[in-house]
């Protein structure tokens, strides 16, 4: 038996893919690619640490297991946030 209606999306953020170059996250129906060269905190993380992401206050991404915080605005407008981890 199958339902003709799909369930409602209940998560506003999720990791949709990851590979040796980076990870993709979906935030409120917009997808972002985070390359490890620019976001090195994710490179050696375990899968369950990467998947444990939360959206706080509609603009704040938090990976609590990695102690990483990112603003969605910094993903939308990276030129406005030139400081990167070195």
N, C-alpha and C. Protein backbone atom coordinates (compact mmCIF):
# COMPACT_ATOMS: atom_id res chain seq x y z
N UNK A 1 0.84 -1.17 0.00
CA UNK A 1 0.00 0.00 0.00
C UNK A 1 0.89 1.24 0.00
N UNK A 2 0.56 2.19 -0.85
CA UNK A 2 1.35 3.42 -0.88
C UNK A 2 0.42 4.62 -0.85
N UNK A 3 0.92 5.68 -0.32
CA UNK A 3 0.14 6.90 -0.20
C UNK A 3 0.40 7.77 -1.42
N UNK A 4 -0.62 8.46 -1.87
CA UNK A 4 -0.44 9.36 -3.01
C UNK A 4 0.14 10.70 -2.59
N UNK A 5 0.07 11.04 -1.30
CA UNK A 5 0.61 12.31 -0.82
C UNK A 5 1.93 12.07 -0.10
N UNK A 6 2.89 12.92 -0.39
CA UNK A 6 4.16 12.85 0.32
C UNK A 6 4.02 13.60 1.63
N UNK A 7 4.81 13.21 2.60
CA UNK A 7 4.77 13.89 3.89
C UNK A 7 5.37 15.28 3.80
N UNK A 8 5.04 16.10 4.75
CA UNK A 8 5.56 17.46 4.82
C UNK A 8 7.02 17.43 5.26
N UNK A 9 7.79 18.36 4.75
CA UNK A 9 9.17 18.50 5.17
C UNK A 9 9.17 19.09 6.57
N UNK A 10 9.80 18.41 7.51
CA UNK A 10 9.79 18.90 8.88
C UNK A 10 11.13 19.51 9.29
N UNK A 11 12.16 19.28 8.52
CA UNK A 11 13.47 19.82 8.83
C UNK A 11 13.77 21.00 7.92
N UNK A 12 14.24 22.09 8.50
CA UNK A 12 14.59 23.25 7.69
C UNK A 12 16.04 23.19 7.22
N UNK A 13 16.80 22.24 7.74
CA UNK A 13 18.19 22.09 7.33
C UNK A 13 18.57 20.61 7.34
N UNK A 14 19.32 20.20 6.33
CA UNK A 14 19.85 18.84 6.31
C UNK A 14 21.07 18.77 5.39
N UNK A 15 21.95 17.87 5.70
CA UNK A 15 23.08 17.58 4.83
C UNK A 15 22.56 16.63 3.77
N UNK A 16 22.70 17.01 2.50
CA UNK A 16 22.14 16.20 1.42
C UNK A 16 23.17 15.31 0.74
N UNK A 17 24.45 15.67 0.85
CA UNK A 17 25.50 14.88 0.21
C UNK A 17 26.84 15.28 0.79
N UNK A 18 27.79 14.37 0.71
CA UNK A 18 29.16 14.66 1.10
C UNK A 18 30.09 13.78 0.28
N UNK A 19 31.25 14.33 -0.07
CA UNK A 19 32.25 13.55 -0.79
C UNK A 19 33.62 14.06 -0.39
N UNK A 20 34.64 13.71 -1.14
CA UNK A 20 36.00 14.08 -0.77
C UNK A 20 36.30 15.56 -0.99
N UNK A 21 35.40 16.29 -1.63
CA UNK A 21 35.60 17.71 -1.91
C UNK A 21 34.87 18.63 -0.94
N UNK A 22 33.78 18.17 -0.37
CA UNK A 22 32.99 19.00 0.52
C UNK A 22 31.64 18.40 0.82
N UNK A 23 30.76 19.24 1.35
CA UNK A 23 29.42 18.76 1.64
C UNK A 23 28.38 19.75 1.15
N UNK A 24 27.20 19.22 0.90
CA UNK A 24 26.07 20.01 0.45
C UNK A 24 25.05 20.03 1.57
N UNK A 25 24.52 21.22 1.84
CA UNK A 25 23.46 21.32 2.83
C UNK A 25 22.26 22.02 2.19
N UNK A 26 21.10 21.60 2.61
CA UNK A 26 19.86 22.19 2.15
C UNK A 26 19.28 22.98 3.31
N UNK A 27 19.12 24.30 3.09
CA UNK A 27 18.58 25.18 4.12
C UNK A 27 17.33 25.84 3.55
N UNK A 28 16.20 25.49 4.10
CA UNK A 28 14.91 26.07 3.65
C UNK A 28 14.80 26.08 2.12
N UNK A 29 15.00 24.92 1.51
CA UNK A 29 14.84 24.70 0.07
C UNK A 29 15.92 25.33 -0.80
N UNK A 30 17.01 25.80 -0.22
CA UNK A 30 18.14 26.30 -1.00
C UNK A 30 19.36 25.47 -0.63
N UNK A 31 20.07 24.99 -1.66
CA UNK A 31 21.22 24.13 -1.42
C UNK A 31 22.53 24.91 -1.54
N UNK A 32 23.46 24.59 -0.65
CA UNK A 32 24.77 25.22 -0.61
C UNK A 32 25.85 24.15 -0.65
N UNK A 33 26.96 24.45 -1.31
CA UNK A 33 28.13 23.57 -1.30
C UNK A 33 29.18 24.20 -0.40
N UNK A 34 29.69 23.44 0.54
CA UNK A 34 30.73 23.90 1.46
C UNK A 34 31.99 23.09 1.19
N UNK A 35 32.91 23.63 0.37
CA UNK A 35 34.15 22.89 0.07
C UNK A 35 35.06 22.85 1.29
N UNK A 36 35.74 21.74 1.46
CA UNK A 36 36.62 21.57 2.62
C UNK A 36 37.76 22.59 2.64
N UNK A 37 38.18 23.06 1.48
CA UNK A 37 39.23 24.07 1.44
C UNK A 37 38.82 25.36 2.14
N UNK A 38 37.54 25.68 2.09
CA UNK A 38 37.03 26.89 2.74
C UNK A 38 36.40 26.61 4.09
N UNK A 39 36.02 25.38 4.33
CA UNK A 39 35.39 24.97 5.59
C UNK A 39 36.10 23.72 6.12
N UNK A 40 37.35 23.88 6.54
CA UNK A 40 38.16 22.71 6.91
C UNK A 40 37.68 21.97 8.16
N UNK A 41 36.82 22.57 8.93
CA UNK A 41 36.31 21.92 10.15
C UNK A 41 35.54 20.66 9.82
N UNK A 42 35.04 20.56 8.60
CA UNK A 42 34.21 19.43 8.22
C UNK A 42 35.00 18.28 7.59
N UNK A 43 36.22 18.54 7.16
CA UNK A 43 36.97 17.57 6.36
C UNK A 43 37.17 16.23 7.05
N UNK A 44 37.58 16.22 8.29
CA UNK A 44 37.86 14.97 8.98
C UNK A 44 36.77 14.56 9.96
N UNK A 45 35.62 15.21 9.86
CA UNK A 45 34.51 14.90 10.76
C UNK A 45 33.88 13.57 10.40
N UNK A 46 33.30 12.93 11.38
CA UNK A 46 32.56 11.70 11.16
C UNK A 46 31.19 12.03 10.56
N UNK A 47 30.64 11.09 9.86
CA UNK A 47 29.36 11.29 9.19
C UNK A 47 28.28 11.73 10.17
N UNK A 48 28.18 11.07 11.32
CA UNK A 48 27.13 11.44 12.27
C UNK A 48 27.34 12.86 12.81
N UNK A 49 28.59 13.33 12.88
CA UNK A 49 28.85 14.70 13.31
C UNK A 49 28.39 15.70 12.25
N UNK A 50 28.60 15.37 10.99
CA UNK A 50 28.17 16.24 9.90
C UNK A 50 26.66 16.30 9.78
N UNK A 51 26.02 15.18 10.00
CA UNK A 51 24.57 15.12 9.86
C UNK A 51 23.84 15.81 11.01
N UNK A 52 24.51 15.99 12.12
CA UNK A 52 23.90 16.63 13.28
C UNK A 52 24.03 18.15 13.15
N UNK A 53 23.18 18.73 12.32
CA UNK A 53 23.18 20.18 12.08
C UNK A 53 21.82 20.73 12.47
N UNK A 54 21.83 21.92 13.04
CA UNK A 54 20.60 22.57 13.48
C UNK A 54 20.52 23.97 12.90
N UNK A 55 19.31 24.42 12.65
CA UNK A 55 19.09 25.79 12.22
C UNK A 55 18.44 26.53 13.38
N UNK A 56 19.17 27.52 13.89
CA UNK A 56 18.68 28.31 15.01
C UNK A 56 18.38 29.73 14.54
N UNK A 57 17.31 30.29 15.00
CA UNK A 57 16.97 31.69 14.71
C UNK A 57 16.89 31.99 13.21
N UNK A 58 16.58 31.01 12.39
CA UNK A 58 16.38 31.17 10.93
C UNK A 58 17.63 31.58 10.15
N UNK A 59 18.74 31.89 10.82
CA UNK A 59 19.95 32.32 10.10
C UNK A 59 21.22 31.77 10.71
N UNK A 60 21.12 30.87 11.64
CA UNK A 60 22.30 30.40 12.37
C UNK A 60 22.37 28.89 12.28
N UNK A 61 23.40 28.39 11.59
CA UNK A 61 23.63 26.95 11.49
C UNK A 61 24.59 26.53 12.58
N UNK A 62 24.27 25.43 13.24
CA UNK A 62 25.09 24.94 14.33
C UNK A 62 25.33 23.45 14.17
N UNK A 63 26.59 23.07 14.22
CA UNK A 63 27.01 21.67 14.30
C UNK A 63 27.54 21.48 15.71
N UNK A 64 26.70 21.09 16.67
CA UNK A 64 27.13 21.04 18.07
C UNK A 64 28.26 20.05 18.34
N UNK A 65 28.30 18.94 17.63
CA UNK A 65 29.36 17.95 17.85
C UNK A 65 30.72 18.44 17.39
N UNK A 66 30.73 19.43 16.49
CA UNK A 66 31.98 19.96 15.94
C UNK A 66 32.30 21.36 16.48
N UNK A 67 31.37 21.94 17.23
CA UNK A 67 31.51 23.31 17.74
C UNK A 67 31.72 24.29 16.60
N UNK A 68 30.89 24.14 15.54
CA UNK A 68 30.96 25.00 14.36
C UNK A 68 29.65 25.75 14.23
N UNK A 69 29.76 27.07 14.06
CA UNK A 69 28.61 27.94 13.84
C UNK A 69 28.81 28.70 12.53
N UNK A 70 27.78 28.77 11.72
CA UNK A 70 27.83 29.54 10.47
C UNK A 70 26.53 30.31 10.31
N UNK A 71 26.64 31.48 9.75
CA UNK A 71 25.47 32.27 9.40
C UNK A 71 25.04 31.90 7.99
N UNK A 72 23.75 31.73 7.77
CA UNK A 72 23.24 31.45 6.43
C UNK A 72 23.59 32.62 5.50
N UNK A 73 23.56 33.81 6.03
CA UNK A 73 23.91 34.99 5.23
C UNK A 73 25.34 34.89 4.69
N UNK A 74 26.25 34.31 5.47
CA UNK A 74 27.63 34.16 4.99
C UNK A 74 27.72 33.17 3.83
N UNK A 75 26.77 32.27 3.72
CA UNK A 75 26.71 31.34 2.59
C UNK A 75 26.06 32.01 1.38
N UNK A 76 25.08 32.87 1.64
CA UNK A 76 24.41 33.60 0.56
C UNK A 76 25.29 34.68 -0.04
N UNK A 77 26.07 35.36 0.80
CA UNK A 77 26.88 36.49 0.36
C UNK A 77 28.32 36.35 0.87
N UNK A 78 29.07 35.38 0.37
CA UNK A 78 30.41 35.12 0.91
C UNK A 78 31.38 36.29 0.75
N UNK A 79 31.17 37.16 -0.24
CA UNK A 79 32.06 38.31 -0.41
C UNK A 79 31.96 39.28 0.76
N UNK A 80 30.86 39.25 1.48
CA UNK A 80 30.70 40.14 2.64
C UNK A 80 31.38 39.58 3.87
N UNK A 81 31.89 38.35 3.79
CA UNK A 81 32.53 37.69 4.92
C UNK A 81 33.89 37.15 4.47
N UNK A 82 34.86 38.05 4.27
CA UNK A 82 36.14 37.62 3.69
C UNK A 82 37.06 36.85 4.63
N UNK A 83 36.82 36.89 5.91
CA UNK A 83 37.70 36.19 6.84
C UNK A 83 37.42 34.70 6.79
N UNK A 84 38.46 33.93 6.56
CA UNK A 84 38.32 32.48 6.52
C UNK A 84 39.37 31.84 7.40
N UNK A 85 39.15 30.61 7.76
CA UNK A 85 40.08 29.86 8.57
C UNK A 85 41.35 29.57 7.78
N UNK A 86 42.49 29.76 8.39
CA UNK A 86 43.76 29.44 7.76
C UNK A 86 44.54 28.47 8.62
